[in-house]
Amino acid sequence: VELFKNPLVAWFMTHMYAFPVKRGKGDTSAIDYGVKILEE
């Protein structure tokens, strides 16, 4: 998630299909999004 703090970098990474995860914090949003990616 730290890579997404800069708005310009975040825009570029998002458009390159990156998505953020909070490491070591049980980030269920990122896990659920990963499931959605595969299910679609």
All heavy atoms as atom14 arrays in JSON, in Angstrom:
{
  "sequence": "VELFKNPLVAWFMTHMYAFPVKRGKGDTSAIDYGVKILEE",
  "atom14_mask": [
    [1, 1, 1, 1, 1, 1, 1, 0, 0, 0, 0, 0, 0, 0],
    [1, 1, 1, 1, 1, 1, 1, 1, 1, 0, 0, 0, 0, 0],
    [1, 1, 1, 1, 1, 1, 1, 1, 0, 0, 0, 0, 0, 0],
    [1, 1, 1, 1, 1, 1, 1, 1, 1, 1, 1, 0, 0, 0],
    [1, 1, 1, 1, 1, 1, 1, 1, 1, 0, 0, 0, 0, 0],
    [1, 1, 1, 1, 1, 1, 1, 1, 0, 0, 0, 0, 0, 0],
    [1, 1, 1, 1, 1, 1, 1, 0, 0, 0, 0, 0, 0, 0],
    [1, 1, 1, 1, 1, 1, 1, 1, 0, 0, 0, 0, 0, 0],
    [1, 1, 1, 1, 1, 1, 1, 0, 0, 0, 0, 0, 0, 0],
    [1, 1, 1, 1, 1, 0, 0, 0, 0, 0, 0, 0, 0, 0],
    [1, 1, 1, 1, 1, 1, 1, 1, 1, 1, 1, 1, 1, 1],
    [1, 1, 1, 1, 1, 1, 1, 1, 1, 1, 1, 0, 0, 0],
    [1, 1, 1, 1, 1, 1, 1, 1, 0, 0, 0, 0, 0, 0],
    [1, 1, 1, 1, 1, 1, 1, 0, 0, 0, 0, 0, 0, 0],
    [1, 1, 1, 1, 1, 1, 1, 1, 1, 1, 0, 0, 0, 0],
    [1, 1, 1, 1, 1, 1, 1, 1, 0, 0, 0, 0, 0, 0],
    [1, 1, 1, 1, 1, 1, 1, 1, 1, 1, 1, 1, 0, 0],
    [1, 1, 1, 1, 1, 0, 0, 0, 0, 0, 0, 0, 0, 0],
    [1, 1, 1, 1, 1, 1, 1, 1, 1, 1, 1, 0, 0, 0],
    [1, 1, 1, 1, 1, 1, 1, 0, 0, 0, 0, 0, 0, 0],
    [1, 1, 1, 1, 1, 1, 1, 0, 0, 0, 0, 0, 0, 0],
    [1, 1, 1, 1, 1, 1, 1, 1, 1, 0, 0, 0, 0, 0],
    [1, 1, 1, 1, 1, 1, 1, 1, 1, 1, 1, 0, 0, 0],
    [1, 1, 1, 1, 0, 0, 0, 0, 0, 0, 0, 0, 0, 0],
    [1, 1, 1, 1, 1, 1, 1, 1, 1, 0, 0, 0, 0, 0],
    [1, 1, 1, 1, 0, 0, 0, 0, 0, 0, 0, 0, 0, 0],
    [1, 1, 1, 1, 1, 1, 1, 1, 0, 0, 0, 0, 0, 0],
    [1, 1, 1, 1, 1, 1, 1, 0, 0, 0, 0, 0, 0, 0],
    [1, 1, 1, 1, 1, 1, 0, 0, 0, 0, 0, 0, 0, 0],
    [1, 1, 1, 1, 1, 0, 0, 0, 0, 0, 0, 0, 0, 0],
    [1, 1, 1, 1, 1, 1, 1, 1, 0, 0, 0, 0, 0, 0],
    [1, 1, 1, 1, 1, 1, 1, 1, 0, 0, 0, 0, 0, 0],
    [1, 1, 1, 1, 1, 1, 1, 1, 1, 1, 1, 1, 0, 0],
    [1, 1, 1, 1, 0, 0, 0, 0, 0, 0, 0, 0, 0, 0],
    [1, 1, 1, 1, 1, 1, 1, 0, 0, 0, 0, 0, 0, 0],
    [1, 1, 1, 1, 1, 1, 1, 1, 1, 0, 0, 0, 0, 0],
    [1, 1, 1, 1, 1, 1, 1, 1, 0, 0, 0, 0, 0, 0],
    [1, 1, 1, 1, 1, 1, 1, 1, 0, 0, 0, 0, 0, 0],
    [1, 1, 1, 1, 1, 1, 1, 1, 1, 0, 0, 0, 0, 0],
    [1, 1, 1, 1, 1, 1, 1, 1, 1, 0, 0, 0, 0, 0]
  ],
  "atom14_positions": [
    [[0.81, -1.21, 0.0], [0.0, 0.0, 0.0], [0.85, 1.27, 0.0], [0.42, 2.32, -0.51], [-0.96, -0.01, 1.21], [-0.18, 0.16, 2.51], [-2.04, 1.04, 1.07], [0.0, 0.0, 0.0], [0.0, 0.0, 0.0], [0.0, 0.0, 0.0], [0.0, 0.0, 0.0], [0.0, 0.0, 0.0], [0.0, 0.0, 0.0], [0.0, 0.0, 0.0]],
    [[2.06, 1.19, 0.52], [2.93, 2.37, 0.57], [3.22, 2.95, -0.8], [3.45, 4.16, -0.94], [4.26, 2.01, 1.27], [4.14, 1.74, 2.75], [3.7, 0.32, 3.09], [3.44, -0.47, 2.15], [3.61, 0.0, 4.28], [0.0, 0.0, 0.0], [0.0, 0.0, 0.0], [0.0, 0.0, 0.0], [0.0, 0.0, 0.0], [0.0, 0.0, 0.0]],
    [[3.19, 2.09, -1.82], [3.46, 2.56, -3.18], [2.34, 3.42, -3.74], [2.52, 4.11, -4.75], [3.69, 1.35, -4.11], [4.91, 0.48, -3.8], [4.93, -0.74, -4.7], [6.2, 1.28, -3.97], [0.0, 0.0, 0.0], [0.0, 0.0, 0.0], [0.0, 0.0, 0.0], [0.0, 0.0, 0.0], [0.0, 0.0, 0.0], [0.0, 0.0, 0.0]],
    [[1.19, 3.4, -3.09], [0.03, 4.13, -3.59], [-0.16, 5.48, -2.9], [-1.16, 6.16, -3.13], [-1.23, 3.28, -3.42], [-1.28, 2.07, -4.31], [-0.54, 0.93, -4.0], [-2.05, 2.06, -5.46], [-0.58, -0.19, -4.81], [-2.09, 0.94, -6.28], [-1.35, -0.18, -5.96], [0.0, 0.0, 0.0], [0.0, 0.0, 0.0], [0.0, 0.0, 0.0]],
    [[0.78, 5.88, -2.07], [0.63, 7.14, -1.35], [0.82, 8.36, -2.24], [0.23, 9.41, -2.01], [1.6, 7.17, -0.16], [1.22, 6.19, 0.95], [2.14, 6.31, 2.15], [1.68, 5.38, 3.27], [2.56, 5.46, 4.46], [0.0, 0.0, 0.0], [0.0, 0.0, 0.0], [0.0, 0.0, 0.0], [0.0, 0.0, 0.0], [0.0, 0.0, 0.0]],
    [[1.68, 8.23, -3.24], [1.87, 9.32, -4.21], [0.76, 9.24, -5.25], [0.62, 8.21, -5.91], [3.25, 9.19, -4.87], [3.52, 10.29, -5.88], [2.84, 10.38, -6.91], [4.52, 11.1, -5.61], [0.0, 0.0, 0.0], [0.0, 0.0, 0.0], [0.0, 0.0, 0.0], [0.0, 0.0, 0.0], [0.0, 0.0, 0.0], [0.0, 0.0, 0.0]],
    [[-0.04, 10.29, -5.44], [-1.19, 10.23, -6.36], [-0.82, 9.86, -7.79], [-1.54, 9.09, -8.43], [-1.76, 11.66, -6.29], [-1.34, 12.17, -4.96], [0.02, 11.58, -4.72], [0.0, 0.0, 0.0], [0.0, 0.0, 0.0], [0.0, 0.0, 0.0], [0.0, 0.0, 0.0], [0.0, 0.0, 0.0], [0.0, 0.0, 0.0], [0.0, 0.0, 0.0]],
    [[0.3, 10.39, -8.29], [0.69, 10.09, -9.67], [1.11, 8.63, -9.81], [0.72, 7.95, -10.76], [1.84, 11.01, -10.09], [2.31, 10.86, -11.55], [1.16, 11.14, -12.51], [3.48, 11.8, -11.82], [0.0, 0.0, 0.0], [0.0, 0.0, 0.0], [0.0, 0.0, 0.0], [0.0, 0.0, 0.0], [0.0, 0.0, 0.0], [0.0, 0.0, 0.0]],
    [[1.9, 8.16, -8.85], [2.34, 6.75, -8.86], [1.14, 5.83, -8.7], [1.03, 4.81, -9.39], [3.37, 6.49, -7.75], [3.7, 5.01, -7.66], [4.63, 7.3, -7.99], [0.0, 0.0, 0.0], [0.0, 0.0, 0.0], [0.0, 0.0, 0.0], [0.0, 0.0, 0.0], [0.0, 0.0, 0.0], [0.0, 0.0, 0.0], [0.0, 0.0, 0.0]],
    [[0.22, 6.22, -7.82], [-0.98, 5.41, -7.58], [-1.81, 5.31, -8.86], [-2.33, 4.24, -9.19], [-1.81, 6.03, -6.47], [0.0, 0.0, 0.0], [0.0, 0.0, 0.0], [0.0, 0.0, 0.0], [0.0, 0.0, 0.0], [0.0, 0.0, 0.0], [0.0, 0.0, 0.0], [0.0, 0.0, 0.0], [0.0, 0.0, 0.0], [0.0, 0.0, 0.0]],
    [[-1.95, 6.42, -9.58], [-2.71, 6.42, -10.84], [-2.06, 5.46, -11.84], [-2.75, 4.65, -12.47], [-2.77, 7.83, -11.42], [-3.5, 7.9, -12.73], [-4.84, 8.12, -12.92], [-2.93, 7.73, -14.05], [-5.14, 8.09, -14.26], [-3.99, 7.85, -14.98], [-1.64, 7.48, -14.53], [-3.79, 7.74, -16.36], [-1.44, 7.36, -15.9], [-2.5, 7.5, -16.79]],
    [[-0.74, 5.57, -11.99], [-0.03, 4.73, -12.96], [-0.15, 3.26, -12.58], [-0.47, 2.41, -13.43], [1.44, 5.13, -13.04], [2.23, 4.3, -13.99], [2.15, 4.51, -15.36], [3.07, 3.28, -13.54], [2.87, 3.74, -16.26], [3.79, 2.5, -14.42], [3.69, 2.73, -15.78], [0.0, 0.0, 0.0], [0.0, 0.0, 0.0], [0.0, 0.0, 0.0]],
    [[0.08, 2.94, -11.32], [0.03, 1.55, -10.9], [-1.37, 0.96, -11.04], [-1.53, -0.19, -11.46], [0.53, 1.42, -9.46], [2.01, 1.71, -9.31], [2.65, 1.29, -7.69], [2.45, -0.48, -7.66], [0.0, 0.0, 0.0], [0.0, 0.0, 0.0], [0.0, 0.0, 0.0], [0.0, 0.0, 0.0], [0.0, 0.0, 0.0], [0.0, 0.0, 0.0]],
    [[-2.38, 1.76, -10.7], [-3.76, 1.29, -10.85], [-4.08, 0.99, -12.31], [-4.73, -0.02, -12.62], [-4.74, 2.35, -10.31], [-4.49, 2.55, -8.92], [-6.18, 1.89, -10.49], [0.0, 0.0, 0.0], [0.0, 0.0, 0.0], [0.0, 0.0, 0.0], [0.0, 0.0, 0.0], [0.0, 0.0, 0.0], [0.0, 0.0, 0.0], [0.0, 0.0, 0.0]],
    [[-3.6, 1.85, -13.21], [-3.83, 1.64, -14.64], [-2.97, 0.51, -15.22], [-3.2, 0.08, -16.36], [-3.6, 2.94, -15.42], [-4.74, 3.91, -15.3], [-5.02, 4.57, -14.13], [-5.69, 4.31, -16.19], [-6.08, 5.35, -14.3], [-6.5, 5.2, -15.53], [0.0, 0.0, 0.0], [0.0, 0.0, 0.0], [0.0, 0.0, 0.0], [0.0, 0.0, 0.0]],
    [[-2.0, 0.05, -14.41], [-1.21, -1.12, -14.8], [-1.71, -2.36, -14.06], [-1.03, -3.37, -13.99], [0.27, -0.88, -14.5], [0.9, 0.2, -15.38], [0.86, -0.18, -17.15], [2.06, -1.5, -17.23], [0.0, 0.0, 0.0], [0.0, 0.0, 0.0], [0.0, 0.0, 0.0], [0.0, 0.0, 0.0], [0.0, 0.0, 0.0], [0.0, 0.0, 0.0]],
    [[-2.92, -2.26, -13.48], [-3.62, -3.36, -12.81], [-3.0, -3.79, -11.49], [-3.18, -4.93, -11.05], [-3.77, -4.56, -13.75], [-4.65, -4.29, -14.94], [-4.21, -4.55, -16.23], [-5.92, -3.76, -14.77], [-5.03, -4.29, -17.34], [-6.74, -3.5, -15.86], [-6.28, -3.75, -17.14], [-7.09, -3.48, -18.21], [0.0, 0.0, 0.0], [0.0, 0.0, 0.0]],
    [[-2.29, -2.88, -10.83], [-1.82, -3.17, -9.47], [-2.92, -2.81, -8.48], [-3.73, -1.92, -8.73], [-0.57, -2.35, -9.16], [0.0, 0.0, 0.0], [0.0, 0.0, 0.0], [0.0, 0.0, 0.0], [0.0, 0.0, 0.0], [0.0, 0.0, 0.0], [0.0, 0.0, 0.0], [0.0, 0.0, 0.0], [0.0, 0.0, 0.0], [0.0, 0.0, 0.0]],
    [[-2.95, -3.5, -7.35], [-3.89, -3.14, -6.29], [-3.18, -3.28, -4.94], [-2.31, -4.13, -4.77], [-5.16, -4.0, -6.35], [-4.97, -5.47, -6.16], [-5.2, -6.07, -4.92], [-4.58, -6.28, -7.21], [-5.05, -7.44, -4.74], [-4.42, -7.66, -7.05], [-4.67, -8.24, -5.81], [0.0, 0.0, 0.0], [0.0, 0.0, 0.0], [0.0, 0.0, 0.0]],
    [[-3.51, -2.39, -4.0], [-2.76, -2.32, -2.74], [-3.15, -3.34, -1.7], [-4.31, -3.73, -1.59], [-3.07, -0.9, -2.24], [-4.43, -0.61, -2.79], [-4.5, -1.31, -4.12], [0.0, 0.0, 0.0], [0.0, 0.0, 0.0], [0.0, 0.0, 0.0], [0.0, 0.0, 0.0], [0.0, 0.0, 0.0], [0.0, 0.0, 0.0], [0.0, 0.0, 0.0]],
    [[-2.16, -3.75, -0.92], [-2.39, -4.64, 0.22], [-1.61, -4.08, 1.41], [-0.47, -3.62, 1.27], [-1.95, -6.08, -0.09], [-0.47, -6.15, -0.43], [-2.27, -7.01, 1.08], [0.0, 0.0, 0.0], [0.0, 0.0, 0.0], [0.0, 0.0, 0.0], [0.0, 0.0, 0.0], [0.0, 0.0, 0.0], [0.0, 0.0, 0.0], [0.0, 0.0, 0.0]],
    [[-2.24, -4.1, 2.58], [-1.57, -3.68, 3.81], [-0.9, -4.91, 4.4], [-1.56, -5.81, 4.93], [-2.59, -3.1, 4.79], [-3.25, -1.83, 4.27], [-4.33, -1.35, 5.22], [-5.04, -0.12, 4.66], [-6.16, 0.32, 5.53], [0.0, 0.0, 0.0], [0.0, 0.0, 0.0], [0.0, 0.0, 0.0], [0.0, 0.0, 0.0], [0.0, 0.0, 0.0]],
    [[0.4, -4.95, 4.28], [1.15, -6.14, 4.68], [1.12, -6.34, 6.19], [1.27, -5.4, 6.96], [2.6, -6.03, 4.2], [2.74, -5.96, 2.69], [4.17, -5.88, 2.25], [4.8, -4.65, 2.74], [6.08, -4.35, 2.54], [6.86, -5.18, 1.88], [6.58, -3.21, 3.0], [0.0, 0.0, 0.0], [0.0, 0.0, 0.0], [0.0, 0.0, 0.0]],
    [[0.91, -7.61, 6.59], [0.95, -7.98, 7.99], [-0.21, -7.47, 8.82], [-0.15, -7.47, 10.05], [0.0, 0.0, 0.0], [0.0, 0.0, 0.0], [0.0, 0.0, 0.0], [0.0, 0.0, 0.0], [0.0, 0.0, 0.0], [0.0, 0.0, 0.0], [0.0, 0.0, 0.0], [0.0, 0.0, 0.0], [0.0, 0.0, 0.0], [0.0, 0.0, 0.0]],
    [[-1.29, -7.06, 8.16], [-2.43, -6.5, 8.89], [-3.74, -7.21, 8.58], [-4.8, -6.67, 8.82], [-2.55, -5.0, 8.6], [-1.35, -4.19, 9.06], [-1.53, -2.71, 8.81], [-0.32, -1.91, 9.29], [-0.5, -0.46, 9.05], [0.0, 0.0, 0.0], [0.0, 0.0, 0.0], [0.0, 0.0, 0.0], [0.0, 0.0, 0.0], [0.0, 0.0, 0.0]],
    [[-3.66, -8.42, 8.01], [-4.87, -9.17, 7.72], [-5.8, -8.4, 6.8], [-6.99, -8.25, 7.1], [0.0, 0.0, 0.0], [0.0, 0.0, 0.0], [0.0, 0.0, 0.0], [0.0, 0.0, 0.0], [0.0, 0.0, 0.0], [0.0, 0.0, 0.0], [0.0, 0.0, 0.0], [0.0, 0.0, 0.0], [0.0, 0.0, 0.0], [0.0, 0.0, 0.0]],
    [[-5.26, -7.89, 5.69], [-6.03, -7.04, 4.78], [-7.0, -7.88, 3.95], [-6.66, -8.38, 2.89], [-5.06, -6.28, 3.86], [-5.76, -5.22, 3.03], [-6.99, -5.1, 3.14], [-5.07, -4.5, 2.3], [0.0, 0.0, 0.0], [0.0, 0.0, 0.0], [0.0, 0.0, 0.0], [0.0, 0.0, 0.0], [0.0, 0.0, 0.0], [0.0, 0.0, 0.0]],
    [[-8.22, -8.01, 4.45], [-9.21, -8.85, 3.75], [-9.7, -8.19, 2.47], [-10.15, -8.89, 1.56], [-10.41, -9.15, 4.67], [-10.99, -7.92, 5.11], [-9.97, -9.95, 5.88], [0.0, 0.0, 0.0], [0.0, 0.0, 0.0], [0.0, 0.0, 0.0], [0.0, 0.0, 0.0], [0.0, 0.0, 0.0], [0.0, 0.0, 0.0], [0.0, 0.0, 0.0]],
    [[-9.63, -6.87, 2.37], [-10.07, -6.19, 1.15], [-9.25, -6.64, -0.05], [-9.78, -6.92, -1.12], [-9.96, -4.66, 1.31], [-10.85, -4.18, 2.29], [0.0, 0.0, 0.0], [0.0, 0.0, 0.0], [0.0, 0.0, 0.0], [0.0, 0.0, 0.0], [0.0, 0.0, 0.0], [0.0, 0.0, 0.0], [0.0, 0.0, 0.0], [0.0, 0.0, 0.0]],
    [[-7.93, -6.71, 0.13], [-7.05, -7.13, -0.95], [-7.26, -8.61, -1.29], [-7.26, -8.99, -2.46], [-5.59, -6.89, -0.57], [0.0, 0.0, 0.0], [0.0, 0.0, 0.0], [0.0, 0.0, 0.0], [0.0, 0.0, 0.0], [0.0, 0.0, 0.0], [0.0, 0.0, 0.0], [0.0, 0.0, 0.0], [0.0, 0.0, 0.0], [0.0, 0.0, 0.0]],
    [[-7.45, -9.44, -0.26], [-7.7, -10.86, -0.5], [-9.01, -11.04, -1.26], [-9.09, -11.79, -2.25], [-7.74, -11.64, 0.83], [-6.37, -11.63, 1.52], [-8.21, -13.07, 0.59], [-5.29, -12.38, 0.79], [0.0, 0.0, 0.0], [0.0, 0.0, 0.0], [0.0, 0.0, 0.0], [0.0, 0.0, 0.0], [0.0, 0.0, 0.0], [0.0, 0.0, 0.0]],
    [[-10.06, -10.34, -0.81], [-11.36, -10.44, -1.48], [-11.28, -9.94, -2.92], [-11.93, -10.49, -3.82], [-12.41, -9.62, -0.71], [-12.74, -10.23, 0.64], [-12.39, -11.4, 0.87], [-13.34, -9.52, 1.48], [0.0, 0.0, 0.0], [0.0, 0.0, 0.0], [0.0, 0.0, 0.0], [0.0, 0.0, 0.0], [0.0, 0.0, 0.0], [0.0, 0.0, 0.0]],
    [[-10.49, -8.92, -3.14], [-10.33, -8.38, -4.5], [-9.6, -9.4, -5.38], [-9.94, -9.58, -6.55], [-9.55, -7.07, -4.45], [-9.5, -6.31, -5.76], [-10.62, -5.64, -6.24], [-8.32, -6.26, -6.51], [-10.58, -4.94, -7.44], [-8.27, -5.55, -7.7], [-9.39, -4.9, -8.16], [-9.35, -4.21, -9.35], [0.0, 0.0, 0.0], [0.0, 0.0, 0.0]],
    [[-8.61, -10.08, -4.81], [-7.91, -11.13, -5.55], [-8.85, -12.24, -5.95], [-8.78, -12.77, -7.07], [0.0, 0.0, 0.0], [0.0, 0.0, 0.0], [0.0, 0.0, 0.0], [0.0, 0.0, 0.0], [0.0, 0.0, 0.0], [0.0, 0.0, 0.0], [0.0, 0.0, 0.0], [0.0, 0.0, 0.0], [0.0, 0.0, 0.0], [0.0, 0.0, 0.0]],
    [[-9.75, -12.6, -5.05], [-10.76, -13.62, -5.36], [-11.65, -13.13, -6.5], [-11.97, -13.89, -7.43], [-11.6, -13.94, -4.11], [-12.79, -14.84, -4.47], [-10.74, -14.63, -3.05], [0.0, 0.0, 0.0], [0.0, 0.0, 0.0], [0.0, 0.0, 0.0], [0.0, 0.0, 0.0], [0.0, 0.0, 0.0], [0.0, 0.0, 0.0], [0.0, 0.0, 0.0]],
    [[-12.06, -11.87, -6.44], [-12.91, -11.3, -7.48], [-12.23, -11.33, -8.86], [-12.84, -11.65, -9.88], [-13.27, -9.85, -7.11], [-14.25, -9.17, -8.06], [-14.37, -7.68, -7.76], [-15.01, -7.41, -6.41], [-16.47, -7.67, -6.46], [0.0, 0.0, 0.0], [0.0, 0.0, 0.0], [0.0, 0.0, 0.0], [0.0, 0.0, 0.0], [0.0, 0.0, 0.0]],
    [[-10.93, -11.01, -8.85], [-10.15, -11.03, -10.1], [-10.25, -12.4, -10.77], [-10.54, -12.51, -11.97], [-8.68, -10.68, -9.81], [-8.52, -9.19, -9.5], [-7.78, -11.06, -11.0], [-7.17, -8.84, -8.91], [0.0, 0.0, 0.0], [0.0, 0.0, 0.0], [0.0, 0.0, 0.0], [0.0, 0.0, 0.0], [0.0, 0.0, 0.0], [0.0, 0.0, 0.0]],
    [[-10.03, -13.44, -10.0], [-10.03, -14.79, -10.53], [-11.43, -15.26, -10.91], [-11.62, -15.9, -11.95], [-9.41, -15.75, -9.52], [-7.9, -15.54, -9.32], [-7.45, -16.12, -7.99], [-7.11, -16.16, -10.46], [0.0, 0.0, 0.0], [0.0, 0.0, 0.0], [0.0, 0.0, 0.0], [0.0, 0.0, 0.0], [0.0, 0.0, 0.0], [0.0, 0.0, 0.0]],
    [[-12.41, -14.92, -10.09], [-13.78, -15.34, -10.37], [-14.34, -14.69, -11.63], [-15.22, -15.23, -12.29], [-14.69, -15.03, -9.17], [-14.36, -15.83, -7.9], [-14.63, -17.32, -8.05], [-15.11, -17.77, -9.11], [-14.35, -18.07, -7.09], [0.0, 0.0, 0.0], [0.0, 0.0, 0.0], [0.0, 0.0, 0.0], [0.0, 0.0, 0.0], [0.0, 0.0, 0.0]],
    [[-13.81, -13.52, -11.98], [-14.27, -12.82, -13.19], [-13.43, -13.16, -14.42], [-13.58, -12.54, -15.47], [-14.28, -11.31, -12.94], [-15.33, -10.89, -11.91], [-15.52, -9.38, -11.83], [-15.04, -8.66, -12.73], [-16.17, -8.93, -10.87], [0.0, 0.0, 0.0], [0.0, 0.0, 0.0], [0.0, 0.0, 0.0], [0.0, 0.0, 0.0], [0.0, 0.0, 0.0]]
  ]
}
